[in-house]
């Protein structure tokens, strides 16, 4: 599986663990740290990655604006 770890969850431990399990991991800290919220969504969609984040700001572009994304988002309770 391909993952894009957003800045808020992009720890070395998580990245290394996912990679060790055979996943393709891209960290937003590697070139996307200063990007707008739209950029990680675009990269994840274009590359077929699951965007892992704790940032609730992604709800507006995905749900309200209906912009494309590559996976289903599950709201937290």
PDB file of N, CA and C in Angstrom:
ATOM      1  N   UNK A   1       0.846  -1.162   0.000  1.00  0.00           N
ATOM      2  CA  UNK A   1       0.000   0.000   0.000  1.00  0.00           C
ATOM      3  C   UNK A   1       0.899   1.234   0.000  1.00  0.00           C
ATOM      4  N   UNK A   2       0.401   2.318  -0.565  1.00  0.00           N
ATOM      5  CA  UNK A   2       1.152   3.570  -0.648  1.00  0.00           C
ATOM      6  C   UNK A   2       0.541   4.595   0.302  1.00  0.00           C
ATOM      7  N   UNK A   3       1.389   5.200   1.128  1.00  0.00           N
ATOM      8  CA  UNK A   3       0.944   6.173   2.111  1.00  0.00           C
ATOM      9  C   UNK A   3       1.629   7.511   1.902  1.00  0.00           C
ATOM     10  N   UNK A   4       0.919   8.576   2.233  1.00  0.00           N
ATOM     11  CA  UNK A   4       1.486   9.916   2.353  1.00  0.00           C
ATOM     12  C   UNK A   4       1.201  10.365   3.777  1.00  0.00           C
ATOM     13  N   UNK A   5       2.246  10.530   4.578  1.00  0.00           N
ATOM     14  CA  UNK A   5       2.095  10.957   5.961  1.00  0.00           C
ATOM     15  C   UNK A   5       2.120  12.474   6.021  1.00  0.00           C
ATOM     16  N   UNK A   6       1.038  13.065   6.496  1.00  0.00           N
ATOM     17  CA  UNK A   6       0.966  14.512   6.650  1.00  0.00           C
ATOM     18  C   UNK A   6       1.949  14.943   7.738  1.00  0.00           C
ATOM     19  N   UNK A   7       2.295  16.212   7.759  1.00  0.00           N
ATOM     20  CA  UNK A   7       3.293  16.735   8.692  1.00  0.00           C
ATOM     21  C   UNK A   7       2.947  16.397  10.141  1.00  0.00           C
ATOM     22  N   UNK A   8       1.673  16.456  10.497  1.00  0.00           N
ATOM     23  CA  UNK A   8       1.269  16.245  11.888  1.00  0.00           C
ATOM     24  C   UNK A   8       1.439  14.801  12.357  1.00  0.00           C
ATOM     25  N   UNK A   9       1.614  13.853  11.452  1.00  0.00           N
ATOM     26  CA  UNK A   9       1.783  12.444  11.839  1.00  0.00           C
ATOM     27  C   UNK A   9       3.076  11.834  11.285  1.00  0.00           C
ATOM     28  N   UNK A  10       3.895  12.656  10.666  1.00  0.00           N
ATOM     29  CA  UNK A  10       5.078  12.149   9.956  1.00  0.00           C
ATOM     30  C   UNK A  10       6.258  11.910  10.897  1.00  0.00           C
ATOM     31  N   UNK A  11       6.111  10.968  11.804  1.00  0.00           N
ATOM     32  CA  UNK A  11       7.224  10.637  12.687  1.00  0.00           C
ATOM     33  C   UNK A  11       8.122   9.609  12.007  1.00  0.00           C
ATOM     34  N   UNK A  12       9.363   9.605  12.374  1.00  0.00           N
ATOM     35  CA  UNK A  12      10.315   8.627  11.824  1.00  0.00           C
ATOM     36  C   UNK A  12       9.895   7.212  12.206  1.00  0.00           C
ATOM     37  N   UNK A  13       9.372   7.036  13.416  1.00  0.00           N
ATOM     38  CA  UNK A  13       8.955   5.709  13.873  1.00  0.00           C
ATOM     39  C   UNK A  13       7.833   5.162  12.989  1.00  0.00           C
ATOM     40  N   UNK A  14       6.806   5.965  12.738  1.00  0.00           N
ATOM     41  CA  UNK A  14       5.692   5.516  11.904  1.00  0.00           C
ATOM     42  C   UNK A  14       6.158   5.246  10.479  1.00  0.00           C
ATOM     43  N   UNK A  15       6.940   6.153   9.932  1.00  0.00           N
ATOM     44  CA  UNK A  15       7.441   5.982   8.571  1.00  0.00           C
ATOM     45  C   UNK A  15       8.280   4.711   8.442  1.00  0.00           C
ATOM     46  N   UNK A  16       9.214   4.517   9.365  1.00  0.00           N
ATOM     47  CA  UNK A  16      10.076   3.331   9.333  1.00  0.00           C
ATOM     48  C   UNK A  16       9.284   2.042   9.527  1.00  0.00           C
ATOM     49  N   UNK A  17       8.305   2.075  10.416  1.00  0.00           N
ATOM     50  CA  UNK A  17       7.492   0.878  10.671  1.00  0.00           C
ATOM     51  C   UNK A  17       6.697   0.489   9.433  1.00  0.00           C
ATOM     52  N   UNK A  18       6.042   1.457   8.804  1.00  0.00           N
ATOM     53  CA  UNK A  18       5.280   1.162   7.590  1.00  0.00           C
ATOM     54  C   UNK A  18       6.193   0.659   6.476  1.00  0.00           C
ATOM     55  N   UNK A  19       7.351   1.279   6.323  1.00  0.00           N
ATOM     56  CA  UNK A  19       8.305   0.848   5.289  1.00  0.00           C
ATOM     57  C   UNK A  19       8.804  -0.567   5.574  1.00  0.00           C
ATOM     58  N   UNK A  20       9.094  -0.860   6.827  1.00  0.00           N
ATOM     59  CA  UNK A  20       9.556  -2.190   7.208  1.00  0.00           C
ATOM     60  C   UNK A  20       8.498  -3.259   6.918  1.00  0.00           C
ATOM     61  N   UNK A  21       7.235  -2.862   6.973  1.00  0.00           N
ATOM     62  CA  UNK A  21       6.140  -3.787   6.666  1.00  0.00           C
ATOM     63  C   UNK A  21       5.894  -3.911   5.160  1.00  0.00           C
ATOM     64  N   UNK A  22       6.715  -3.224   4.376  1.00  0.00           N
ATOM     65  CA  UNK A  22       6.644  -3.348   2.925  1.00  0.00           C
ATOM     66  C   UNK A  22       5.832  -2.285   2.212  1.00  0.00           C
ATOM     67  N   UNK A  23       5.442  -1.254   2.918  1.00  0.00           N
ATOM     68  CA  UNK A  23       4.642  -0.190   2.313  1.00  0.00           C
ATOM     69  C   UNK A  23       5.530   0.890   1.709  1.00  0.00           C
ATOM     70  N   UNK A  24       5.005   1.567   0.716  1.00  0.00           N
ATOM     71  CA  UNK A  24       5.667   2.700   0.076  1.00  0.00           C
ATOM     72  C   UNK A  24       5.229   3.946   0.850  1.00  0.00           C
ATOM     73  N   UNK A  25       6.162   4.600   1.535  1.00  0.00           N
ATOM     74  CA  UNK A  25       5.820   5.710   2.426  1.00  0.00           C
ATOM     75  C   UNK A  25       6.488   6.994   1.955  1.00  0.00           C
ATOM     76  N   UNK A  26       5.680   8.042   1.822  1.00  0.00           N
ATOM     77  CA  UNK A  26       6.160   9.377   1.508  1.00  0.00           C
ATOM     78  C   UNK A  26       5.765  10.271   2.673  1.00  0.00           C
ATOM     79  N   UNK A  27       6.699  11.064   3.155  1.00  0.00           N
ATOM     80  CA  UNK A  27       6.429  11.966   4.268  1.00  0.00           C
ATOM     81  C   UNK A  27       6.267  13.390   3.756  1.00  0.00           C
ATOM     82  N   UNK A  28       5.260  14.084   4.246  1.00  0.00           N
ATOM     83  CA  UNK A  28       5.061  15.487   3.869  1.00  0.00           C
ATOM     84  C   UNK A  28       6.214  16.346   4.361  1.00  0.00           C
ATOM     85  N   UNK A  29       6.965  15.881   5.332  1.00  0.00           N
ATOM     86  CA  UNK A  29       8.134  16.624   5.818  1.00  0.00           C
ATOM     87  C   UNK A  29       9.226  16.691   4.753  1.00  0.00           C
ATOM     88  N   UNK A  30       9.161  15.804   3.770  1.00  0.00           N
ATOM     89  CA  UNK A  30      10.153  15.769   2.693  1.00  0.00           C
ATOM     90  C   UNK A  30       9.662  16.569   1.491  1.00  0.00           C
ATOM     91  N   UNK A  31       9.548  17.878   1.663  1.00  0.00           N
ATOM     92  CA  UNK A  31       9.220  18.745   0.543  1.00  0.00           C
ATOM     93  C   UNK A  31       7.815  19.317   0.532  1.00  0.00           C
ATOM     94  N   UNK A  32       6.922  18.836   1.373  1.00  0.00           N
ATOM     95  CA  UNK A  32       5.552  19.348   1.378  1.00  0.00           C
ATOM     96  C   UNK A  32       5.198  20.063   2.677  1.00  0.00           C
ATOM     97  N   UNK A  33       6.157  20.249   3.559  1.00  0.00           N
ATOM     98  CA  UNK A  33       5.875  20.808   4.887  1.00  0.00           C
ATOM     99  C   UNK A  33       5.238  22.190   4.840  1.00  0.00           C
ATOM    100  N   UNK A  34       5.625  23.008   3.879  1.00  0.00           N
ATOM    101  CA  UNK A  34       5.089  24.373   3.789  1.00  0.00           C
ATOM    102  C   UNK A  34       3.965  24.502   2.770  1.00  0.00           C
ATOM    103  N   UNK A  35       3.515  23.390   2.236  1.00  0.00           N
ATOM    104  CA  UNK A  35       2.490  23.405   1.194  1.00  0.00           C
ATOM    105  C   UNK A  35       1.105  23.662   1.780  1.00  0.00           C
ATOM    106  N   UNK A  36       0.205  24.119   0.935  1.00  0.00           N
ATOM    107  CA  UNK A  36      -1.184  24.285   1.354  1.00  0.00           C
ATOM    108  C   UNK A  36      -1.809  22.902   1.550  1.00  0.00           C
ATOM    109  N   UNK A  37      -2.974  22.852   2.178  1.00  0.00           N
ATOM    110  CA  UNK A  37      -3.655  21.570   2.373  1.00  0.00           C
ATOM    111  C   UNK A  37      -3.995  20.903   1.047  1.00  0.00           C
ATOM    112  N   UNK A  38      -4.199  21.675   0.015  1.00  0.00           N
ATOM    113  CA  UNK A  38      -4.565  21.111  -1.282  1.00  0.00           C
ATOM    114  C   UNK A  38      -3.432  20.279  -1.882  1.00  0.00           C
ATOM    115  N   UNK A  39      -2.192  20.666  -1.646  1.00  0.00           N
ATOM    116  CA  UNK A  39      -1.055  19.971  -2.253  1.00  0.00           C
ATOM    117  C   UNK A  39      -0.950  18.518  -1.818  1.00  0.00           C
ATOM    118  N   UNK A  40      -0.998  18.190  -0.512  1.00  0.00           N
ATOM    119  CA  UNK A  40      -0.960  16.777  -0.145  1.00  0.00           C
ATOM    120  C   UNK A  40      -2.138  15.982  -0.715  1.00  0.00           C
ATOM    121  N   UNK A  41      -3.315  16.606  -0.776  1.00  0.00           N
ATOM    122  CA  UNK A  41      -4.462  15.924  -1.387  1.00  0.00           C
ATOM    123  C   UNK A  41      -4.187  15.614  -2.856  1.00  0.00           C
ATOM    124  N   UNK A  42      -3.624  16.575  -3.566  1.00  0.00           N
ATOM    125  CA  UNK A  42      -3.305  16.380  -4.981  1.00  0.00           C
ATOM    126  C   UNK A  42      -2.266  15.279  -5.172  1.00  0.00           C
ATOM    127  N   UNK A  43      -1.204  15.303  -4.358  1.00  0.00           N
ATOM    128  CA  UNK A  43      -0.151  14.292  -4.461  1.00  0.00           C
ATOM    129  C   UNK A  43      -0.713  12.911  -4.148  1.00  0.00           C
ATOM    130  N   UNK A  44      -1.487  12.810  -3.083  1.00  0.00           N
ATOM    131  CA  UNK A  44      -2.070  11.516  -2.707  1.00  0.00           C
ATOM    132  C   UNK A  44      -2.978  10.990  -3.815  1.00  0.00           C
ATOM    133  N   UNK A  45      -3.788  11.845  -4.377  1.00  0.00           N
ATOM    134  CA  UNK A  45      -4.698  11.427  -5.448  1.00  0.00           C
ATOM    135  C   UNK A  45      -3.924  11.000  -6.698  1.00  0.00           C
ATOM    136  N   UNK A  46      -2.973  11.815  -7.100  1.00  0.00           N
ATOM    137  CA  UNK A  46      -2.195  11.542  -8.310  1.00  0.00           C
ATOM    138  C   UNK A  46      -1.383  10.253  -8.186  1.00  0.00           C
ATOM    139  N   UNK A  47      -0.844   9.982  -6.995  1.00  0.00           N
ATOM    140  CA  UNK A  47       0.014   8.823  -6.798  1.00  0.00           C
ATOM    141  C   UNK A  47      -0.714   7.629  -6.186  1.00  0.00           C
ATOM    142  N   UNK A  48      -2.012   7.759  -5.950  1.00  0.00           N
ATOM    143  CA  UNK A  48      -2.790   6.657  -5.387  1.00  0.00           C
ATOM    144  C   UNK A  48      -2.381   6.315  -3.968  1.00  0.00           C
ATOM    145  N   UNK A  49      -2.087   7.347  -3.170  1.00  0.00           N
ATOM    146  CA  UNK A  49      -1.645   7.144  -1.795  1.00  0.00           C
ATOM    147  C   UNK A  49      -2.780   7.400  -0.807  1.00  0.00           C
ATOM    148  N   UNK A  50      -2.725   6.727   0.320  1.00  0.00           N
ATOM    149  CA  UNK A  50      -3.629   6.993   1.431  1.00  0.00           C
ATOM    150  C   UNK A  50      -3.009   8.128   2.232  1.00  0.00           C
ATOM    151  N   UNK A  51      -3.733   9.209   2.377  1.00  0.00           N
ATOM    152  CA  UNK A  51      -3.249  10.350   3.149  1.00  0.00           C
ATOM    153  C   UNK A  51      -3.570  10.112   4.617  1.00  0.00           C
ATOM    154  N   UNK A  52      -2.529  10.033   5.437  1.00  0.00           N
ATOM    155  CA  UNK A  52      -2.685   9.831   6.874  1.00  0.00           C
ATOM    156  C   UNK A  52      -2.484  11.184   7.547  1.00  0.00           C
ATOM    157  N   UNK A  53      -3.507  11.639   8.260  1.00  0.00           N
ATOM    158  CA  UNK A  53      -3.449  12.959   8.881  1.00  0.00           C
ATOM    159  C   UNK A  53      -4.331  13.012  10.113  1.00  0.00           C
ATOM    160  N   UNK A  54      -4.071  13.987  10.956  1.00  0.00           N
ATOM    161  CA  UNK A  54      -4.952  14.321  12.075  1.00  0.00           C
ATOM    162  C   UNK A  54      -5.580  15.697  11.849  1.00  0.00           C
ATOM    163  N   UNK A  55      -5.268  16.303  10.727  1.00  0.00           N
ATOM    164  CA  UNK A  55      -5.706  17.651  10.381  1.00  0.00           C
ATOM    165  C   UNK A  55      -7.135  17.616   9.861  1.00  0.00           C
ATOM    166  N   UNK A  56      -8.042  18.230  10.580  1.00  0.00           N
ATOM    167  CA  UNK A  56      -9.453  18.230  10.180  1.00  0.00           C
ATOM    168  C   UNK A  56      -9.756  19.243   9.082  1.00  0.00           C
ATOM    169  N   UNK A  57      -8.763  20.045   8.686  1.00  0.00           N
ATOM    170  CA  UNK A  57      -8.963  21.014   7.610  1.00  0.00           C
ATOM    171  C   UNK A  57      -9.176  20.350   6.256  1.00  0.00           C
ATOM    172  N   UNK A  58      -8.862  19.082   6.131  1.00  0.00           N
ATOM    173  CA  UNK A  58      -9.049  18.393   4.857  1.00  0.00           C
ATOM    174  C   UNK A  58     -10.524  18.112   4.575  1.00  0.00           C
ATOM    175  N   UNK A  59     -11.361  18.253   5.567  1.00  0.00           N
ATOM    176  CA  UNK A  59     -12.783  18.000   5.378  1.00  0.00           C
ATOM    177  C   UNK A  59     -13.437  18.945   4.386  1.00  0.00           C
ATOM    178  N   UNK A  60     -13.059  20.217   4.417  1.00  0.00           N
ATOM    179  CA  UNK A  60     -13.673  21.178   3.507  1.00  0.00           C
ATOM    180  C   UNK A  60     -13.405  20.851   2.039  1.00  0.00           C
ATOM    181  N   UNK A  61     -12.141  20.670   1.622  1.00  0.00           N
ATOM    182  CA  UNK A  61     -11.937  20.378   0.199  1.00  0.00           C
ATOM    183  C   UNK A  61     -12.522  19.043  -0.232  1.00  0.00           C
ATOM    184  N   UNK A  62     -12.526  18.073   0.653  1.00  0.00           N
ATOM    185  CA  UNK A  62     -13.010  16.743   0.275  1.00  0.00           C
ATOM    186  C   UNK A  62     -14.531  16.666   0.302  1.00  0.00           C
ATOM    187  N   UNK A  63     -15.143  17.129   1.376  1.00  0.00           N
ATOM    188  CA  UNK A  63     -16.586  16.955   1.522  1.00  0.00           C
ATOM    189  C   UNK A  63     -17.392  18.144   0.981  1.00  0.00           C
ATOM    190  N   UNK A  64     -17.006  19.360   1.322  1.00  0.00           N
ATOM    191  CA  UNK A  64     -17.784  20.527   0.893  1.00  0.00           C
ATOM    192  C   UNK A  64     -17.544  20.865  -0.575  1.00  0.00           C
ATOM    193  N   UNK A  65     -16.279  20.851  -0.996  1.00  0.00           N
ATOM    194  CA  UNK A  65     -15.962  21.206  -2.381  1.00  0.00           C
ATOM    195  C   UNK A  65     -15.957  19.999  -3.315  1.00  0.00           C
ATOM    196  N   UNK A  66     -16.047  18.817  -2.733  1.00  0.00           N
ATOM    197  CA  UNK A  66     -16.080  17.556  -3.501  1.00  0.00           C
ATOM    198  C   UNK A  66     -14.880  17.386  -4.431  1.00  0.00           C
ATOM    199  N   UNK A  67     -13.707  17.799  -3.952  1.00  0.00           N
ATOM    200  CA  UNK A  67     -12.491  17.598  -4.729  1.00  0.00           C
ATOM    201  C   UNK A  67     -12.105  16.122  -4.671  1.00  0.00           C
ATOM    202  N   UNK A  68     -11.436  15.610  -5.690  1.00  0.00           N
ATOM    203  CA  UNK A  68     -11.094  14.185  -5.701  1.00  0.00           C
ATOM    204  C   UNK A  68     -10.054  13.834  -4.642  1.00  0.00           C
ATOM    205  N   UNK A  69     -10.169  12.626  -4.131  1.00  0.00           N
ATOM    206  CA  UNK A  69      -9.201  12.096  -3.181  1.00  0.00           C
ATOM    207  C   UNK A  69      -9.088  10.601  -3.424  1.00  0.00           C
ATOM    208  N   UNK A  70      -8.014  10.005  -2.938  1.00  0.00           N
ATOM    209  CA  UNK A  70      -7.728   8.622  -3.311  1.00  0.00           C
ATOM    210  C   UNK A  70      -8.210   7.580  -2.328  1.00  0.00           C
ATOM    211  N   UNK A  71      -8.818   7.984  -1.246  1.00  0.00           N
ATOM    212  CA  UNK A  71      -9.301   6.989  -0.274  1.00  0.00           C
ATOM    213  C   UNK A  71     -10.498   7.558   0.457  1.00  0.00           C
ATOM    214  N   UNK A  72     -11.168   6.696   1.158  1.00  0.00           N
ATOM    215  CA  UNK A  72     -12.287   7.146   1.970  1.00  0.00           C
ATOM    216  C   UNK A  72     -11.746   7.716   3.270  1.00  0.00           C
ATOM    217  N   UNK A  73     -12.313   8.819   3.683  1.00  0.00           N
ATOM    218  CA  UNK A  73     -11.938   9.421   4.959  1.00  0.00           C
ATOM    219  C   UNK A  73     -12.963   9.004   5.987  1.00  0.00           C
ATOM    220  N   UNK A  74     -12.492   8.646   7.161  1.00  0.00           N
ATOM    221  CA  UNK A  74     -13.375   8.233   8.240  1.00  0.00           C
ATOM    222  C   UNK A  74     -13.294   9.285   9.331  1.00  0.00           C
ATOM    223  N   UNK A  75     -14.403   9.979   9.602  1.00  0.00           N
ATOM    224  CA  UNK A  75     -14.374  11.010  10.639  1.00  0.00           C
ATOM    225  C   UNK A  75     -14.059  10.398  12.004  1.00  0.00           C
ATOM    226  N   UNK A  76     -13.343  11.145  12.831  1.00  0.00           N
ATOM    227  CA  UNK A  76     -13.061  10.684  14.189  1.00  0.00           C
ATOM    228  C   UNK A  76     -14.222  11.066  15.076  1.00  0.00           C
ATOM    229  N   UNK A  77     -14.370  10.355  16.146  1.00  0.00           N
ATOM    230  CA  UNK A  77     -15.469  10.644  17.073  1.00  0.00           C
ATOM    231  C   UNK A  77     -15.017  11.491  18.219  1.00  0.00           C
TER     232      UNK A  77
END
